[in-house]
């Protein structure tokens, strides 16, 4: 639920609590857990601000959530592998664009 809301854009715990009809304490606790799993991150303007956004890993977790309960899938490993693949693709794209620019 929280990840779905953050997929729509950055948000603060108080708003998420209202949107999800949950207590602020519950939402803040869940945000802390999600942050420790690197699925969300707290963003500025200050270190103590309550503004959160979905990480790339969090985006993948939402995308593959239907596989979370599949006992044949190690979900953390799936996320790690998909994240590595996405990062390798980005690196290759950047290298390709740099090569194209050098040829011009």
C-alpha atoms as a PDB file:
ATOM      1  CA  UNK A   1       0.000   0.000   0.000  1.00  0.00           C
ATOM      2  CA  UNK A   2       2.702   2.498   1.003  1.00  0.00           C
ATOM      3  CA  UNK A   3       4.890   1.477  -1.917  1.00  0.00           C
ATOM      4  CA  UNK A   4       1.939   1.930  -4.282  1.00  0.00           C
ATOM      5  CA  UNK A   5       1.350   5.450  -2.988  1.00  0.00           C
ATOM      6  CA  UNK A   6       5.016   6.339  -3.309  1.00  0.00           C
ATOM      7  CA  UNK A   7       5.024   4.975  -6.839  1.00  0.00           C
ATOM      8  CA  UNK A   8       2.710   7.899  -7.607  1.00  0.00           C
ATOM      9  CA  UNK A   9       5.339  10.337  -6.275  1.00  0.00           C
ATOM     10  CA  UNK A  10       7.066  11.624  -3.167  1.00  0.00           C
ATOM     11  CA  UNK A  11       4.957  11.936  -0.040  1.00  0.00           C
ATOM     12  CA  UNK A  12       5.133  12.480   3.704  1.00  0.00           C
ATOM     13  CA  UNK A  13       4.083  10.041   6.407  1.00  0.00           C
ATOM     14  CA  UNK A  14       1.213  12.216   7.632  1.00  0.00           C
ATOM     15  CA  UNK A  15      -0.368  12.305   4.164  1.00  0.00           C
ATOM     16  CA  UNK A  16       0.165   8.589   3.663  1.00  0.00           C
ATOM     17  CA  UNK A  17      -1.523   7.901   7.000  1.00  0.00           C
ATOM     18  CA  UNK A  18      -4.587   9.886   5.946  1.00  0.00           C
ATOM     19  CA  UNK A  19      -4.719   8.348   2.467  1.00  0.00           C
ATOM     20  CA  UNK A  20      -4.382   4.813   3.826  1.00  0.00           C
ATOM     21  CA  UNK A  21      -6.590   5.341   6.888  1.00  0.00           C
ATOM     22  CA  UNK A  22      -3.789   4.232   9.222  1.00  0.00           C
ATOM     23  CA  UNK A  23      -2.224   5.874  12.243  1.00  0.00           C
ATOM     24  CA  UNK A  24       0.818   8.089  11.756  1.00  0.00           C
ATOM     25  CA  UNK A  25       2.750   5.836  14.109  1.00  0.00           C
ATOM     26  CA  UNK A  26       1.993   2.776  12.010  1.00  0.00           C
ATOM     27  CA  UNK A  27       2.953   4.499   8.761  1.00  0.00           C
ATOM     28  CA  UNK A  28       6.156   5.952  10.230  1.00  0.00           C
ATOM     29  CA  UNK A  29       7.090   2.501  11.551  1.00  0.00           C
ATOM     30  CA  UNK A  30       6.467   0.940   8.134  1.00  0.00           C
ATOM     31  CA  UNK A  31       8.449   3.685   6.394  1.00  0.00           C
ATOM     32  CA  UNK A  32      11.390   2.974   8.700  1.00  0.00           C
ATOM     33  CA  UNK A  33      11.208  -0.725   7.860  1.00  0.00           C
ATOM     34  CA  UNK A  34      10.940  -0.020   4.139  1.00  0.00           C
ATOM     35  CA  UNK A  35      13.900   2.355   4.362  1.00  0.00           C
ATOM     36  CA  UNK A  36      16.006  -0.294   6.113  1.00  0.00           C
ATOM     37  CA  UNK A  37      15.203  -2.633   3.197  1.00  0.00           C
ATOM     38  CA  UNK A  38      16.242   0.146   0.772  1.00  0.00           C
ATOM     39  CA  UNK A  39      12.784   0.201  -0.798  1.00  0.00           C
ATOM     40  CA  UNK A  40      12.176   3.861   0.096  1.00  0.00           C
ATOM     41  CA  UNK A  41      14.471   6.737   1.032  1.00  0.00           C
ATOM     42  CA  UNK A  42      14.007   9.900   2.972  1.00  0.00           C
ATOM     43  CA  UNK A  43      14.699  12.962   0.859  1.00  0.00           C
ATOM     44  CA  UNK A  44      15.378  16.603   1.797  1.00  0.00           C
ATOM     45  CA  UNK A  45      15.125  19.332   2.441  1.00  0.00           C
ATOM     46  CA  UNK A  46      16.463  18.317   5.868  1.00  0.00           C
ATOM     47  CA  UNK A  47      17.745  15.083   7.395  1.00  0.00           C
ATOM     48  CA  UNK A  48      14.782  15.034   9.769  1.00  0.00           C
ATOM     49  CA  UNK A  49      12.203  15.790   7.082  1.00  0.00           C
ATOM     50  CA  UNK A  50       9.492  13.232   6.540  1.00  0.00           C
ATOM     51  CA  UNK A  51       9.452  13.321   2.760  1.00  0.00           C
ATOM     52  CA  UNK A  52       9.911   9.869   1.212  1.00  0.00           C
ATOM     53  CA  UNK A  53      10.309   8.517  -2.283  1.00  0.00           C
ATOM     54  CA  UNK A  54      10.455   5.082  -3.801  1.00  0.00           C
ATOM     55  CA  UNK A  55      13.928   3.784  -4.654  1.00  0.00           C
ATOM     56  CA  UNK A  56      14.739   1.845  -7.787  1.00  0.00           C
ATOM     57  CA  UNK A  57      14.730  -1.285  -5.618  1.00  0.00           C
ATOM     58  CA  UNK A  58      11.305  -0.291  -4.304  1.00  0.00           C
ATOM     59  CA  UNK A  59      10.028   0.176  -7.831  1.00  0.00           C
ATOM     60  CA  UNK A  60      11.196  -3.354  -8.642  1.00  0.00           C
ATOM     61  CA  UNK A  61       9.528  -4.703  -5.488  1.00  0.00           C
ATOM     62  CA  UNK A  62       6.211  -3.235  -6.622  1.00  0.00           C
ATOM     63  CA  UNK A  63       6.702  -4.564 -10.146  1.00  0.00           C
ATOM     64  CA  UNK A  64       7.447  -8.106  -8.942  1.00  0.00           C
ATOM     65  CA  UNK A  65       5.231  -8.160  -5.845  1.00  0.00           C
ATOM     66  CA  UNK A  66       3.116 -11.058  -7.152  1.00  0.00           C
ATOM     67  CA  UNK A  67       6.224 -13.254  -6.853  1.00  0.00           C
ATOM     68  CA  UNK A  68       6.786 -12.335  -3.164  1.00  0.00           C
ATOM     69  CA  UNK A  69       4.636 -15.215  -1.848  1.00  0.00           C
ATOM     70  CA  UNK A  70       6.008 -17.714  -4.377  1.00  0.00           C
ATOM     71  CA  UNK A  71       8.060 -20.147  -2.292  1.00  0.00           C
ATOM     72  CA  UNK A  72      10.154 -21.064  -5.323  1.00  0.00           C
ATOM     73  CA  UNK A  73      11.431 -17.477  -5.606  1.00  0.00           C
ATOM     74  CA  UNK A  74      14.016 -15.886  -3.310  1.00  0.00           C
ATOM     75  CA  UNK A  75      12.529 -12.394  -3.492  1.00  0.00           C
ATOM     76  CA  UNK A  76      15.575 -10.497  -2.202  1.00  0.00           C
ATOM     77  CA  UNK A  77      17.781 -12.265  -4.736  1.00  0.00           C
ATOM     78  CA  UNK A  78      15.297 -11.500  -7.496  1.00  0.00           C
ATOM     79  CA  UNK A  79      15.396  -7.800  -6.608  1.00  0.00           C
ATOM     80  CA  UNK A  80      19.196  -7.818  -6.410  1.00  0.00           C
ATOM     81  CA  UNK A  81      19.528  -9.468  -9.818  1.00  0.00           C
ATOM     82  CA  UNK A  82      16.985  -7.178 -11.471  1.00  0.00           C
ATOM     83  CA  UNK A  83      18.697  -4.143  -9.952  1.00  0.00           C
ATOM     84  CA  UNK A  84      22.102  -5.290 -11.242  1.00  0.00           C
ATOM     85  CA  UNK A  85      20.631  -5.876 -14.690  1.00  0.00           C
ATOM     86  CA  UNK A  86      19.033  -2.420 -14.724  1.00  0.00           C
ATOM     87  CA  UNK A  87      22.277  -0.777 -13.591  1.00  0.00           C
ATOM     88  CA  UNK A  88      24.307  -2.667 -16.214  1.00  0.00           C
ATOM     89  CA  UNK A  89      21.850  -1.580 -18.894  1.00  0.00           C
ATOM     90  CA  UNK A  90      22.153   2.050 -17.793  1.00  0.00           C
ATOM     91  CA  UNK A  91      25.952   1.811 -17.820  1.00  0.00           C
ATOM     92  CA  UNK A  92      25.911   0.316 -21.319  1.00  0.00           C
ATOM     93  CA  UNK A  93      23.519   3.037 -22.530  1.00  0.00           C
ATOM     94  CA  UNK A  94      25.774   5.785 -21.172  1.00  0.00           C
ATOM     95  CA  UNK A  95      28.841   4.196 -22.747  1.00  0.00           C
ATOM     96  CA  UNK A  96      27.032   3.875 -26.077  1.00  0.00           C
ATOM     97  CA  UNK A  97      25.937   7.515 -26.021  1.00  0.00           C
ATOM     98  CA  UNK A  98      29.476   8.631 -25.164  1.00  0.00           C
ATOM     99  CA  UNK A  99      30.835   6.617 -28.083  1.00  0.00           C
ATOM    100  CA  UNK A 100      28.259   8.134 -30.440  1.00  0.00           C
ATOM    101  CA  UNK A 101      29.123  11.633 -29.242  1.00  0.00           C
ATOM    102  CA  UNK A 102      32.840  10.966 -29.765  1.00  0.00           C
ATOM    103  CA  UNK A 103      32.182   9.872 -33.360  1.00  0.00           C
ATOM    104  CA  UNK A 104      30.365  13.108 -34.204  1.00  0.00           C
END
